[in-house]
PDB file of N, CA and C in Angstrom:
ATOM      1  N   MET A   1      79.184 -72.912  63.397  1.00  0.00           N
ATOM      2  CA  MET A   1      79.059 -74.887  62.530  1.00  0.00           C
ATOM      3  C   MET A   1      79.349 -75.208  64.191  1.00  0.00           C
ATOM      4  N   MET A   2      80.012 -74.772  64.938  1.00  0.00           N
ATOM      5  CA  MET A   2      79.666 -75.589  66.261  1.00  0.00           C
ATOM      6  C   MET A   2      78.137 -75.281  67.086  1.00  0.00           C
ATOM      7  N   GLU A   3      78.436 -74.016  66.692  1.00  0.00           N
ATOM      8  CA  GLU A   3      77.001 -73.668  67.764  1.00  0.00           C
ATOM      9  C   GLU A   3      75.559 -74.298  67.366  1.00  0.00           C
ATOM     10  N   LYS A   4      75.512 -74.614  65.800  1.00  0.00           N
ATOM     11  CA  LYS A   4      74.354 -75.429  65.095  1.00  0.00           C
ATOM     12  C   LYS A   4      74.795 -76.776  65.513  1.00  0.00           C
ATOM     13  N   MET A   5      75.678 -77.466  66.135  1.00  0.00           N
ATOM     14  CA  MET A   5      76.065 -78.846  66.700  1.00  0.00           C
ATOM     15  C   MET A   5      74.986 -78.542  67.952  1.00  0.00           C
ATOM     16  N   PHE A   6      75.871 -77.659  68.340  1.00  0.00           N
ATOM     17  CA  PHE A   6      75.384 -77.542  69.905  1.00  0.00           C
ATOM     18  C   PHE A   6      74.086 -77.616  70.438  1.00  0.00           C
ATOM     19  N   CYS A   7      73.695 -77.065  69.558  1.00  0.00           N
ATOM     20  CA  CYS A   7      71.826 -76.486  69.116  1.00  0.00           C
ATOM     21  C   CYS A   7      71.098 -78.183  69.032  1.00  0.00           C
ATOM     22  N   ILE A   8      71.862 -79.169  68.492  1.00  0.00           N
ATOM     23  CA  ILE A   8      71.351 -80.128  67.580  1.00  0.00           C
ATOM     24  C   ILE A   8      71.669 -80.909  68.591  1.00  0.00           C
ATOM     25  N   ARG A   9      72.725 -80.695  69.066  1.00  0.00           N
ATOM     26  CA  ARG A   9      72.971 -81.894  70.475  1.00  0.00           C
ATOM     27  C   ARG A   9      72.354 -81.871  71.873  1.00  0.00           C
ATOM     28  N   LEU A  10      71.960 -80.764  72.321  1.00  0.00           N
ATOM     29  CA  LEU A  10      71.205 -80.467  72.945  1.00  0.00           C
ATOM     30  C   LEU A  10      69.654 -80.720  73.040  1.00  0.00           C
ATOM     31  N   LYS A  11      69.109 -80.699  71.858  1.00  0.00           N
ATOM     32  CA  LYS A  11      67.679 -80.587  71.792  1.00  0.00           C
ATOM     33  C   LYS A  11      67.904 -82.261  72.019  1.00  0.00           C
ATOM     34  N   GLU A  12      68.611 -83.140  70.864  1.00  0.00           N
ATOM     35  CA  GLU A  12      68.385 -84.749  71.332  1.00  0.00           C
ATOM     36  C   GLU A  12      68.839 -85.617  72.410  1.00  0.00           C
ATOM     37  N   LEU A  13      70.216 -84.758  73.365  1.00  0.00           N
ATOM     38  CA  LEU A  13      70.353 -85.259  74.303  1.00  0.00           C
ATOM     39  C   LEU A  13      69.011 -85.118  74.850  1.00  0.00           C
ATOM     40  N   ARG A  14      68.040 -83.561  75.250  1.00  0.00           N
ATOM     41  CA  ARG A  14      67.146 -83.633  75.688  1.00  0.00           C
ATOM     42  C   ARG A  14      65.805 -84.116  75.403  1.00  0.00           C
ATOM     43  N   ASN A  15      66.171 -85.203  74.230  1.00  0.00           N
ATOM     44  CA  ASN A  15      64.541 -85.729  73.798  1.00  0.00           C
ATOM     45  C   ASN A  15      64.495 -86.805  74.145  1.00  0.00           C
ATOM     46  N   GLU A  16      66.199 -87.729  74.449  1.00  0.00           N
ATOM     47  CA  GLU A  16      66.188 -88.803  74.631  1.00  0.00           C
ATOM     48  C   GLU A  16      66.187 -89.268  75.830  1.00  0.00           C
ATOM     49  N   LYS A  17      66.144 -88.124  77.094  1.00  0.00           N
ATOM     50  CA  LYS A  17      65.618 -88.513  78.316  1.00  0.00           C
ATOM     51  C   LYS A  17      64.100 -87.717  78.368  1.00  0.00           C
ATOM     52  N   GLU A  18      63.736 -87.775  77.757  1.00  0.00           N
ATOM     53  CA  GLU A  18      61.957 -87.288  77.664  1.00  0.00           C
ATOM     54  C   GLU A  18      61.614 -86.117  78.952  1.00  0.00           C
ATOM     55  N   LEU A  19      63.236 -85.133  78.315  1.00  0.00           N
ATOM     56  CA  LEU A  19      62.414 -84.048  79.097  1.00  0.00           C
ATOM     57  C   LEU A  19      61.754 -82.415  78.330  1.00  0.00           C
ATOM     58  N   THR A  20      61.065 -82.186  79.109  1.00  0.00           N
ATOM     59  CA  THR A  20      61.556 -80.685  78.389  1.00  0.00           C
ATOM     60  C   THR A  20      62.113 -79.503  78.186  1.00  0.00           C
ATOM     61  N   GLN A  21      62.116 -78.176  77.826  1.00  0.00           N
ATOM     62  CA  GLN A  21      62.864 -77.135  78.388  1.00  0.00           C
ATOM     63  C   GLN A  21      62.483 -76.886  79.273  1.00  0.00           C
ATOM     64  N   THR A  22      61.717 -76.583  80.293  1.00  0.00           N
ATOM     65  CA  THR A  22      61.399 -76.182  81.028  1.00  0.00           C
ATOM     66  C   THR A  22      62.024 -76.956  81.844  1.00  0.00           C
ATOM     67  N   ASP A  23      62.013 -78.420  82.010  1.00  0.00           N
ATOM     68  CA  ASP A  23      62.692 -79.336  83.183  1.00  0.00           C
ATOM     69  C   ASP A  23      64.247 -79.027  83.400  1.00  0.00           C
ATOM     70  N   VAL A  24      64.803 -78.832  81.970  1.00  0.00           N
ATOM     71  CA  VAL A  24      66.530 -78.257  82.230  1.00  0.00           C
ATOM     72  C   VAL A  24      66.527 -76.877  82.305  1.00  0.00           C
ATOM     73  N   ALA A  25      65.843 -76.228  82.376  1.00  0.00           N
ATOM     74  CA  ALA A  25      66.062 -74.953  82.733  1.00  0.00           C
ATOM     75  C   ALA A  25      66.116 -74.892  83.982  1.00  0.00           C
ATOM     76  N   LYS A  26      64.340 -75.625  85.159  1.00  0.00           N
ATOM     77  CA  LYS A  26      64.785 -75.837  86.112  1.00  0.00           C
ATOM     78  C   LYS A  26      66.122 -76.500  86.933  1.00  0.00           C
ATOM     79  N   VAL A  27      66.433 -77.711  86.494  1.00  0.00           N
ATOM     80  CA  VAL A  27      67.998 -78.300  86.695  1.00  0.00           C
ATOM     81  C   VAL A  27      69.277 -76.826  86.220  1.00  0.00           C
ATOM     82  N   MET A  28      69.197 -76.327  85.648  1.00  0.00           N
ATOM     83  CA  MET A  28      69.806 -75.143  85.096  1.00  0.00           C
ATOM     84  C   MET A  28      69.677 -74.235  85.862  1.00  0.00           C
ATOM     85  N   ASN A  29      68.441 -73.956  86.600  1.00  0.00           N
ATOM     86  CA  ASN A  29      68.573 -72.466  87.181  1.00  0.00           C
ATOM     87  C   ASN A  29      68.578 -71.410  86.325  1.00  0.00           C
ATOM     88  N   VAL A  30      67.797 -71.694  84.882  1.00  0.00           N
ATOM     89  CA  VAL A  30      67.548 -70.365  83.765  1.00  0.00           C
ATOM     90  C   VAL A  30      66.070 -70.921  83.580  1.00  0.00           C
ATOM     91  N   ASN A  31      65.590 -69.244  83.114  1.00  0.00           N
ATOM     92  CA  ASN A  31      64.210 -69.408  82.674  1.00  0.00           C
ATOM     93  C   ASN A  31      64.011 -70.435  81.745  1.00  0.00           C
ATOM     94  N   HIS A  32      63.023 -70.717  81.194  1.00  0.00           N
ATOM     95  CA  HIS A  32      63.080 -71.903  80.103  1.00  0.00           C
ATOM     96  C   HIS A  32      63.262 -70.970  78.609  1.00  0.00           C
ATOM     97  N   SER A  33      62.746 -69.413  78.244  1.00  0.00           N
ATOM     98  CA  SER A  33      63.325 -68.873  77.380  1.00  0.00           C
ATOM     99  C   SER A  33      64.723 -69.494  76.250  1.00  0.00           C
ATOM    100  N   THR A  34      65.369 -68.812  77.927  1.00  0.00           N
ATOM    101  CA  THR A  34      67.153 -69.864  77.787  1.00  0.00           C
ATOM    102  C   THR A  34      67.476 -71.272  77.230  1.00  0.00           C
ATOM    103  N   VAL A  35      66.888 -72.057  77.501  1.00  0.00           N
ATOM    104  CA  VAL A  35      66.750 -73.342  77.328  1.00  0.00           C
ATOM    105  C   VAL A  35      66.342 -72.999  75.402  1.00  0.00           C
ATOM    106  N   CYS A  36      65.163 -72.884  75.442  1.00  0.00           N
ATOM    107  CA  CYS A  36      64.643 -72.242  73.918  1.00  0.00           C
ATOM    108  C   CYS A  36      65.512 -71.243  73.136  1.00  0.00           C
ATOM    109  N   TYR A  37      66.454 -71.066  73.268  1.00  0.00           N
ATOM    110  CA  TYR A  37      67.098 -69.625  72.422  1.00  0.00           C
ATOM    111  C   TYR A  37      68.246 -70.520  72.529  1.00  0.00           C
ATOM    112  N   TRP A  38      68.805 -71.626  73.448  1.00  0.00           N
ATOM    113  CA  TRP A  38      70.017 -71.892  73.468  1.00  0.00           C
ATOM    114  C   TRP A  38      69.525 -73.219  72.200  1.00  0.00           C
ATOM    115  N   GLU A  39      68.800 -73.967  72.260  1.00  0.00           N
ATOM    116  CA  GLU A  39      68.362 -74.876  71.405  1.00  0.00           C
ATOM    117  C   GLU A  39      67.899 -74.090  69.757  1.00  0.00           C
ATOM    118  N   ARG A  40      67.312 -73.030  69.364  1.00  0.00           N
ATOM    119  CA  ARG A  40      67.344 -72.401  68.532  1.00  0.00           C
ATOM    120  C   ARG A  40      68.439 -71.127  68.272  1.00  0.00           C
ATOM    121  N   GLY A  41      69.397 -71.763  68.762  1.00  0.00           N
ATOM    122  CA  GLY A  41      70.785 -70.868  68.278  1.00  0.00           C
ATOM    123  C   GLY A  41      70.443 -69.437  68.225  1.00  0.00           C
ATOM    124  N   LYS A  42      70.135 -68.554  69.424  1.00  0.00           N
ATOM    125  CA  LYS A  42      69.062 -67.529  68.871  1.00  0.00           C
ATOM    126  C   LYS A  42      70.601 -66.675  70.435  1.00  0.00           C
ATOM    127  N   SER A  43      71.298 -67.523  71.267  1.00  0.00           N
ATOM    128  CA  SER A  43      72.441 -67.990  72.301  1.00  0.00           C
ATOM    129  C   SER A  43      73.148 -68.786  72.431  1.00  0.00           C
ATOM    130  N   SER A  44      73.784 -68.630  73.647  1.00  0.00           N
ATOM    131  CA  SER A  44      74.781 -69.678  73.666  1.00  0.00           C
ATOM    132  C   SER A  44      75.062 -70.053  75.525  1.00  0.00           C
ATOM    133  N   PRO A  45      75.593 -70.695  76.330  1.00  0.00           N
ATOM    134  CA  PRO A  45      75.004 -70.626  77.431  1.00  0.00           C
ATOM    135  C   PRO A  45      76.650 -69.993  77.646  1.00  0.00           C
ATOM    136  N   ASP A  46      77.263 -69.895  78.356  1.00  0.00           N
ATOM    137  CA  ASP A  46      78.267 -69.290  79.323  1.00  0.00           C
ATOM    138  C   ASP A  46      79.280 -70.807  79.410  1.00  0.00           C
ATOM    139  N   ILE A  47      80.272 -70.559  79.196  1.00  0.00           N
ATOM    140  CA  ILE A  47      81.533 -72.040  80.596  1.00  0.00           C
ATOM    141  C   ILE A  47      80.816 -72.624  81.079  1.00  0.00           C
ATOM    142  N   TYR A  48      80.627 -72.337  82.031  1.00  0.00           N
ATOM    143  CA  TYR A  48      80.120 -72.564  83.552  1.00  0.00           C
ATOM    144  C   TYR A  48      78.593 -73.527  83.312  1.00  0.00           C
ATOM    145  N   GLU A  49      77.950 -72.968  82.161  1.00  0.00           N
ATOM    146  CA  GLU A  49      76.195 -74.108  81.961  1.00  0.00           C
ATOM    147  C   GLU A  49      76.678 -74.568  80.846  1.00  0.00           C
ATOM    148  N   LEU A  50      77.599 -74.357  80.518  1.00  0.00           N
ATOM    149  CA  LEU A  50      77.877 -75.424  79.270  1.00  0.00           C
ATOM    150  C   LEU A  50      78.796 -77.107  80.074  1.00  0.00           C
ATOM    151  N   ILE A  51      79.565 -76.670  80.577  1.00  0.00           N
ATOM    152  CA  ILE A  51      79.849 -77.995  81.530  1.00  0.00           C
ATOM    153  C   ILE A  51      78.545 -78.308  82.532  1.00  0.00           C
ATOM    154  N   ARG A  52      78.133 -77.726  83.139  1.00  0.00           N
ATOM    155  CA  ARG A  52      76.134 -78.303  83.890  1.00  0.00           C
ATOM    156  C   ARG A  52      75.897 -79.155  82.663  1.00  0.00           C
ATOM    157  N   LEU A  53      75.709 -78.277  81.962  1.00  0.00           N
ATOM    158  CA  LEU A  53      74.737 -78.920  80.703  1.00  0.00           C
ATOM    159  C   LEU A  53      75.698 -80.596  80.561  1.00  0.00           C
ATOM    160  N   ALA A  54      76.934 -80.614  80.584  1.00  0.00           N
ATOM    161  CA  ALA A  54      77.406 -81.940  80.046  1.00  0.00           C
ATOM    162  C   ALA A  54      77.400 -82.874  81.104  1.00  0.00           C
ATOM    163  N   ASP A  55      77.729 -82.287  82.628  1.00  0.00           N
ATOM    164  CA  ASP A  55      77.121 -83.344  83.519  1.00  0.00           C
ATOM    165  C   ASP A  55      76.476 -83.870  83.522  1.00  0.00           C
ATOM    166  N   PHE A  56      75.346 -83.631  83.287  1.00  0.00           N
ATOM    167  CA  PHE A  56      73.517 -83.178  84.012  1.00  0.00           C
ATOM    168  C   PHE A  56      73.727 -84.850  82.394  1.00  0.00           C
ATOM    169  N   PHE A  57      74.123 -83.938  81.747  1.00  0.00           N
ATOM    170  CA  PHE A  57      73.646 -85.456  80.536  1.00  0.00           C
ATOM    171  C   PHE A  57      74.657 -86.581  80.354  1.00  0.00           C
ATOM    172  N   GLY A  58      76.044 -86.379  80.895  1.00  0.00           N
ATOM    173  CA  GLY A  58      76.492 -87.399  81.057  1.00  0.00           C
ATOM    174  C   GLY A  58      77.335 -86.983  79.631  1.00  0.00           C
ATOM    175  N   VAL A  59      77.876 -85.897  79.092  1.00  0.00           N
ATOM    176  CA  VAL A  59      77.962 -86.358  77.831  1.00  0.00           C
ATOM    177  C   VAL A  59      80.003 -85.545  78.075  1.00  0.00           C
ATOM    178  N   THR A  60      80.560 -85.251  77.108  1.00  0.00           N
ATOM    179  CA  THR A  60      81.921 -84.290  77.369  1.00  0.00           C
ATOM    180  C   THR A  60      81.470 -83.548  76.872  1.00  0.00           C
ATOM    181  N   THR A  61      81.917 -81.803  76.955  1.00  0.00           N
ATOM    182  CA  THR A  61      81.779 -80.630  76.429  1.00  0.00           C
ATOM    183  C   THR A  61      82.515 -80.471  74.733  1.00  0.00           C
ATOM    184  N   ASP A  62      82.986 -81.285  74.483  1.00  0.00           N
ATOM    185  CA  ASP A  62      84.057 -81.559  72.804  1.00  0.00           C
ATOM    186  C   ASP A  62      82.395 -82.423  72.942  1.00  0.00           C
ATOM    187  N   TYR A  63      81.220 -83.438  73.230  1.00  0.00           N
ATOM    188  CA  TYR A  63      80.209 -84.355  72.089  1.00  0.00           C
ATOM    189  C   TYR A  63      79.326 -82.888  71.833  1.00  0.00           C
ATOM    190  N   LEU A  64      79.158 -82.072  73.536  1.00  0.00           N
ATOM    191  CA  LEU A  64      78.143 -81.232  73.002  1.00  0.00           C
ATOM    192  C   LEU A  64      78.365 -80.337  72.246  1.00  0.00           C
ATOM    193  N   LEU A  65      79.643 -79.849  71.599  1.00  0.00           N
ATOM    194  CA  LEU A  65      80.307 -78.553  70.408  1.00  0.00           C
ATOM    195  C   LEU A  65      80.233 -79.197  69.414  1.00  0.00           C
ATOM    196  N   GLY A  66      79.999 -80.419  69.707  1.00  0.00           N
ATOM    197  CA  GLY A  66      80.284 -80.885  67.826  1.00  0.00           C
ATOM    198  C   GLY A  66      81.679 -81.508  67.458  1.00  0.00           C
ATOM    199  N   ARG A  67      82.506 -81.777  68.433  1.00  0.00           N
ATOM    200  CA  ARG A  67      84.355 -81.561  68.081  1.00  0.00           C
ATOM    201  C   ARG A  67      84.306 -83.140  67.811  1.00  0.00           C
ATOM    202  N   THR A  68      83.566 -83.774  68.690  1.00  0.00           N
ATOM    203  CA  THR A  68      83.819 -84.927  68.983  1.00  0.00           C
ATOM    204  C   THR A  68      82.440 -86.017  68.714  1.00  0.00           C
ATOM    205  N   ASP A  69      82.709 -87.082  68.130  1.00  0.00           N
ATOM    206  CA  ASP A  69      81.005 -87.693  68.312  1.00  0.00           C
ATOM    207  C   ASP A  69      80.753 -88.859  69.302  1.00  0.00           C
ATOM    208  N   PHE A  70      81.864 -88.849  70.140  1.00  0.00           N
ATOM    209  CA  PHE A  70      81.813 -89.444  71.333  1.00  0.00           C
ATOM    210  C   PHE A  70      81.433 -89.273  72.507  1.00  0.00           C
ATOM    211  N   TYR A  71      80.955 -89.468  73.195  1.00  0.00           N
ATOM    212  CA  TYR A  71      80.028 -89.065  75.022  1.00  0.00           C
ATOM    213  C   TYR A  71      81.482 -89.099  75.571  1.00  0.00           C
TER     214      TYR A  71
END
């Protein structure tokens, strides 16, 4: 369940900021395909990438993982 929520929340946050997957990939210093895989649930970021994503989007890791609905 957390993997599915992560995929949904990552895509929602990216779209809210009007960013492409390539934009996020550049910020995260990963390939575009990595972000695509994260959003499709084919892979997951490691703990350090998860923290960087949360910091970038201004949310908590718990929010990204679907453990809370509060940013």
